[in-house]
C-alpha atoms as a PDB file:
ATOM      1  CA  MET A   1      15.422  11.952  30.885  1.00  0.00           C
ATOM      2  CA  HIS A   2      15.562  15.931  30.173  1.00  0.00           C
ATOM      3  CA  ALA A   3      15.498  15.691  26.908  1.00  0.00           C
ATOM      4  CA  LEU A   4      12.213  14.977  25.889  1.00  0.00           C
ATOM      5  CA  SER A   5       8.621  15.606  27.281  1.00  0.00           C
ATOM      6  CA  ILE A   6       6.709  13.658  29.895  1.00  0.00           C
ATOM      7  CA  PRO A   7       4.033  13.523  26.549  1.00  0.00           C
ATOM      8  CA  THR A   8       6.991  13.276  24.385  1.00  0.00           C
ATOM      9  CA  TRP A   9       7.842  10.154  26.526  1.00  0.00           C
ATOM     10  CA  ILE A  10       4.449   8.612  26.603  1.00  0.00           C
ATOM     11  CA  ILE A  11       3.961   8.483  22.879  1.00  0.00           C
ATOM     12  CA  HIS A  12       7.800   6.917  22.757  1.00  0.00           C
ATOM     13  CA  VAL A  13       6.639   4.263  25.142  1.00  0.00           C
ATOM     14  CA  SER A  14       3.019   3.427  23.490  1.00  0.00           C
ATOM     15  CA  SER A  15       4.514   2.984  19.953  1.00  0.00           C
ATOM     16  CA  VAL A  16       7.118   0.491  21.967  1.00  0.00           C
ATOM     17  CA  ILE A  17       4.313  -1.266  23.045  1.00  0.00           C
ATOM     18  CA  GLU A  18       1.766  -1.260  20.248  1.00  0.00           C
ATOM     19  CA  TRP A  19       4.270  -2.297  18.363  1.00  0.00           C
ATOM     20  CA  ILE A  20       5.153  -5.393  20.324  1.00  0.00           C
ATOM     21  CA  VAL A  21       0.989  -5.974  20.753  1.00  0.00           C
ATOM     22  CA  ALA A  22       1.044  -5.920  16.316  1.00  0.00           C
ATOM     23  CA  ILE A  23       3.707  -8.809  15.984  1.00  0.00           C
ATOM     24  CA  TRP A  24       2.053 -10.563  18.716  1.00  0.00           C
ATOM     25  CA  LEU A  25      -1.080 -10.693  16.841  1.00  0.00           C
ATOM     26  CA  ILE A  26       0.113 -10.673  13.055  1.00  0.00           C
ATOM     27  CA  TRP A  27       2.001 -13.902  14.365  1.00  0.00           C
ATOM     28  CA  THR A  28      -0.914 -15.470  15.923  1.00  0.00           C
ATOM     29  CA  TYR A  29      -2.754 -14.650  12.954  1.00  0.00           C
ATOM     30  CA  GLY A  30      -0.118 -16.618  10.543  1.00  0.00           C
ATOM     31  CA  GLU A  31      -1.143 -19.672  13.497  1.00  0.00           C
ATOM     32  CA  LEU A  32      -4.943 -19.017  12.580  1.00  0.00           C
ATOM     33  CA  THR A  33      -5.363 -18.852   9.317  1.00  0.00           C
ATOM     34  CA  GLY A  34      -1.633 -21.644   9.154  1.00  0.00           C
ATOM     35  CA  ASN A  35       0.008 -18.972   6.326  1.00  0.00           C
ATOM     36  CA  ARG A  36       3.778 -19.040   7.017  1.00  0.00           C
ATOM     37  CA  ASN A  37       4.274 -15.800   5.583  1.00  0.00           C
ATOM     38  CA  TRP A  38       2.096 -13.730   8.549  1.00  0.00           C
ATOM     39  CA  TRP A  39       4.741 -15.134  10.663  1.00  0.00           C
ATOM     40  CA  GLY A  40       7.385 -13.651   8.567  1.00  0.00           C
ATOM     41  CA  LEU A  41       6.003 -10.309   8.731  1.00  0.00           C
ATOM     42  CA  SER A  42       5.383 -10.696  12.691  1.00  0.00           C
ATOM     43  CA  LEU A  43       9.661 -10.887  12.398  1.00  0.00           C
ATOM     44  CA  ALA A  44      10.788  -8.729   9.581  1.00  0.00           C
ATOM     45  CA  MET A  45       9.351  -6.020  12.209  1.00  0.00           C
ATOM     46  CA  LEU A  46      11.737  -6.868  14.453  1.00  0.00           C
ATOM     47  CA  PRO A  47      14.424  -4.956  13.514  1.00  0.00           C
ATOM     48  CA  ALA A  48      12.371  -1.667  13.721  1.00  0.00           C
ATOM     49  CA  LEU A  49      11.152  -2.349  16.875  1.00  0.00           C
ATOM     50  CA  VAL A  50      15.467  -2.769  17.994  1.00  0.00           C
ATOM     51  CA  SER A  51      15.577   0.583  16.593  1.00  0.00           C
ATOM     52  CA  ALA A  52      12.680   1.937  18.906  1.00  0.00           C
ATOM     53  CA  MET A  53      13.950   0.165  22.092  1.00  0.00           C
ATOM     54  CA  CYS A  54      18.149   2.287  20.482  1.00  0.00           C
ATOM     55  CA  ALA A  55      15.991   5.320  20.130  1.00  0.00           C
ATOM     56  CA  CYS A  56      14.378   5.681  23.842  1.00  0.00           C
ATOM     57  CA  THR A  57      17.010   4.196  25.664  1.00  0.00           C
ATOM     58  CA  TRP A  58      18.836   6.797  24.079  1.00  0.00           C
ATOM     59  CA  HIS A  59      17.003   8.884  25.378  1.00  0.00           C
ATOM     60  CA  TYR A  60      16.737   7.988  28.093  1.00  0.00           C
ATOM     61  CA  PHE A  61      20.013   8.301  28.753  1.00  0.00           C
ATOM     62  CA  ASP A  62      20.520  12.035  28.000  1.00  0.00           C
ATOM     63  CA  ASN A  63      21.552  11.524  24.888  1.00  0.00           C
ATOM     64  CA  ALA A  64      24.642  10.600  26.414  1.00  0.00           C
ATOM     65  CA  GLU A  65      27.937  10.640  23.747  1.00  0.00           C
ATOM     66  CA  SER A  66      29.099   7.279  25.523  1.00  0.00           C
ATOM     67  CA  LEU A  67      25.860   6.476  23.635  1.00  0.00           C
ATOM     68  CA  GLU A  68      26.436   7.568  20.387  1.00  0.00           C
ATOM     69  CA  TRP A  69      26.705   3.995  19.248  1.00  0.00           C
ATOM     70  CA  LEU A  70      22.986   3.839  19.548  1.00  0.00           C
ATOM     71  CA  VAL A  71      22.207   6.152  17.285  1.00  0.00           C
ATOM     72  CA  THR A  72      23.936   4.498  14.447  1.00  0.00           C
ATOM     73  CA  LEU A  73      22.347   1.256  15.654  1.00  0.00           C
ATOM     74  CA  GLN A  74      19.276   3.472  15.074  1.00  0.00           C
ATOM     75  CA  ALA A  75      19.768   4.076  11.673  1.00  0.00           C
ATOM     76  CA  THR A  76      20.560   0.783  10.629  1.00  0.00           C
ATOM     77  CA  MET A  77      17.759  -1.087  12.508  1.00  0.00           C
ATOM     78  CA  THR A  78      15.714   0.792  10.772  1.00  0.00           C
ATOM     79  CA  LEU A  79      17.326   0.479   7.468  1.00  0.00           C
ATOM     80  CA  VAL A  80      17.233  -3.228   7.369  1.00  0.00           C
ATOM     81  CA  GLY A  81      13.793  -3.236   9.103  1.00  0.00           C
ATOM     82  CA  ASN A  82      12.307  -0.660   6.206  1.00  0.00           C
ATOM     83  CA  PHE A  83      14.575  -4.127   4.001  1.00  0.00           C
ATOM     84  CA  THR A  84      13.312  -6.928   6.012  1.00  0.00           C
ATOM     85  CA  LEU A  85       9.326  -5.595   5.679  1.00  0.00           C
ATOM     86  CA  TRP A  86       9.367  -5.100   1.979  1.00  0.00           C
ATOM     87  CA  ALA A  87      10.156  -8.431   1.746  1.00  0.00           C
ATOM     88  CA  ALA A  88       8.179  -9.653   4.080  1.00  0.00           C
ATOM     89  CA  ALA A  89       4.828  -8.022   2.446  1.00  0.00           C
ATOM     90  CA  PHE A  90       5.684  -9.172  -1.449  1.00  0.00           C
ATOM     91  CA  LEU A  91       6.454 -12.709  -0.057  1.00  0.00           C
ATOM     92  CA  ILE A  92       2.339 -11.737   1.266  1.00  0.00           C
ATOM     93  CA  TRP A  93       1.783 -10.404  -1.546  1.00  0.00           C
ATOM     94  CA  ARG A  94       3.092 -13.109  -3.675  1.00  0.00           C
ATOM     95  CA  SER A  95       1.012 -15.968  -1.540  1.00  0.00           C
ATOM     96  CA  THR A  96      -2.329 -14.388  -2.272  1.00  0.00           C
ATOM     97  CA  LYS A  97      -1.450 -15.013  -6.062  1.00  0.00           C
ATOM     98  CA  SER A  98      -4.070 -18.548  -6.889  1.00  0.00           C
ATOM     99  CA  PRO A  99      -1.078 -20.750  -8.096  1.00  0.00           C
ATOM    100  CA  LYS A 100      -2.844 -22.402 -11.237  1.00  0.00           C
ATOM    101  CA  THR A 101      -3.386 -19.270 -14.062  1.00  0.00           C
ATOM    102  CA  VAL A 102      -5.357 -20.173 -16.704  1.00  0.00           C
ATOM    103  CA  GLU A 103      -3.585 -19.616 -19.959  1.00  0.00           C
ATOM    104  CA  PRO A 104      -5.148 -17.670 -22.178  1.00  0.00           C
ATOM    105  CA  LYS A 105      -6.987 -19.741 -24.827  1.00  0.00           C
ATOM    106  CA  PRO A 106      -4.735 -17.819 -28.628  1.00  0.00           C
ATOM    107  CA  ILE A 107      -7.825 -16.950 -30.951  1.00  0.00           C
ATOM    108  CA  LYS A 108      -8.104 -18.923 -34.027  1.00  0.00           C
ATOM    109  CA  SER A 109      -9.984 -17.205 -37.387  1.00  0.00           C
ATOM    110  CA  GLU A 110     -10.906 -19.286 -39.386  1.00  0.00           C
END
């Protein structure tokens, strides 16, 4: 575990814990509001959590060459997570739009 300093480890571990808490809070918010799109956001956060856990695992084992596949998995999960978070944010934004839009009436000149 010599790959990272103690303060860096504290930041890494606390970030993972914060992400888990954020997922739980967003899920709870979705339950309270009845808006399932918020549940989607909490699920969309999971690939980023997996990415962070890959990084912590790789560093925990002193960046072992036998675990270099974790770096590839981390990068992949970051990419997937960015897209899932974008999609979830889009769905939340779309859910805030009023389903009843009023069509503007043309101006008639007489």
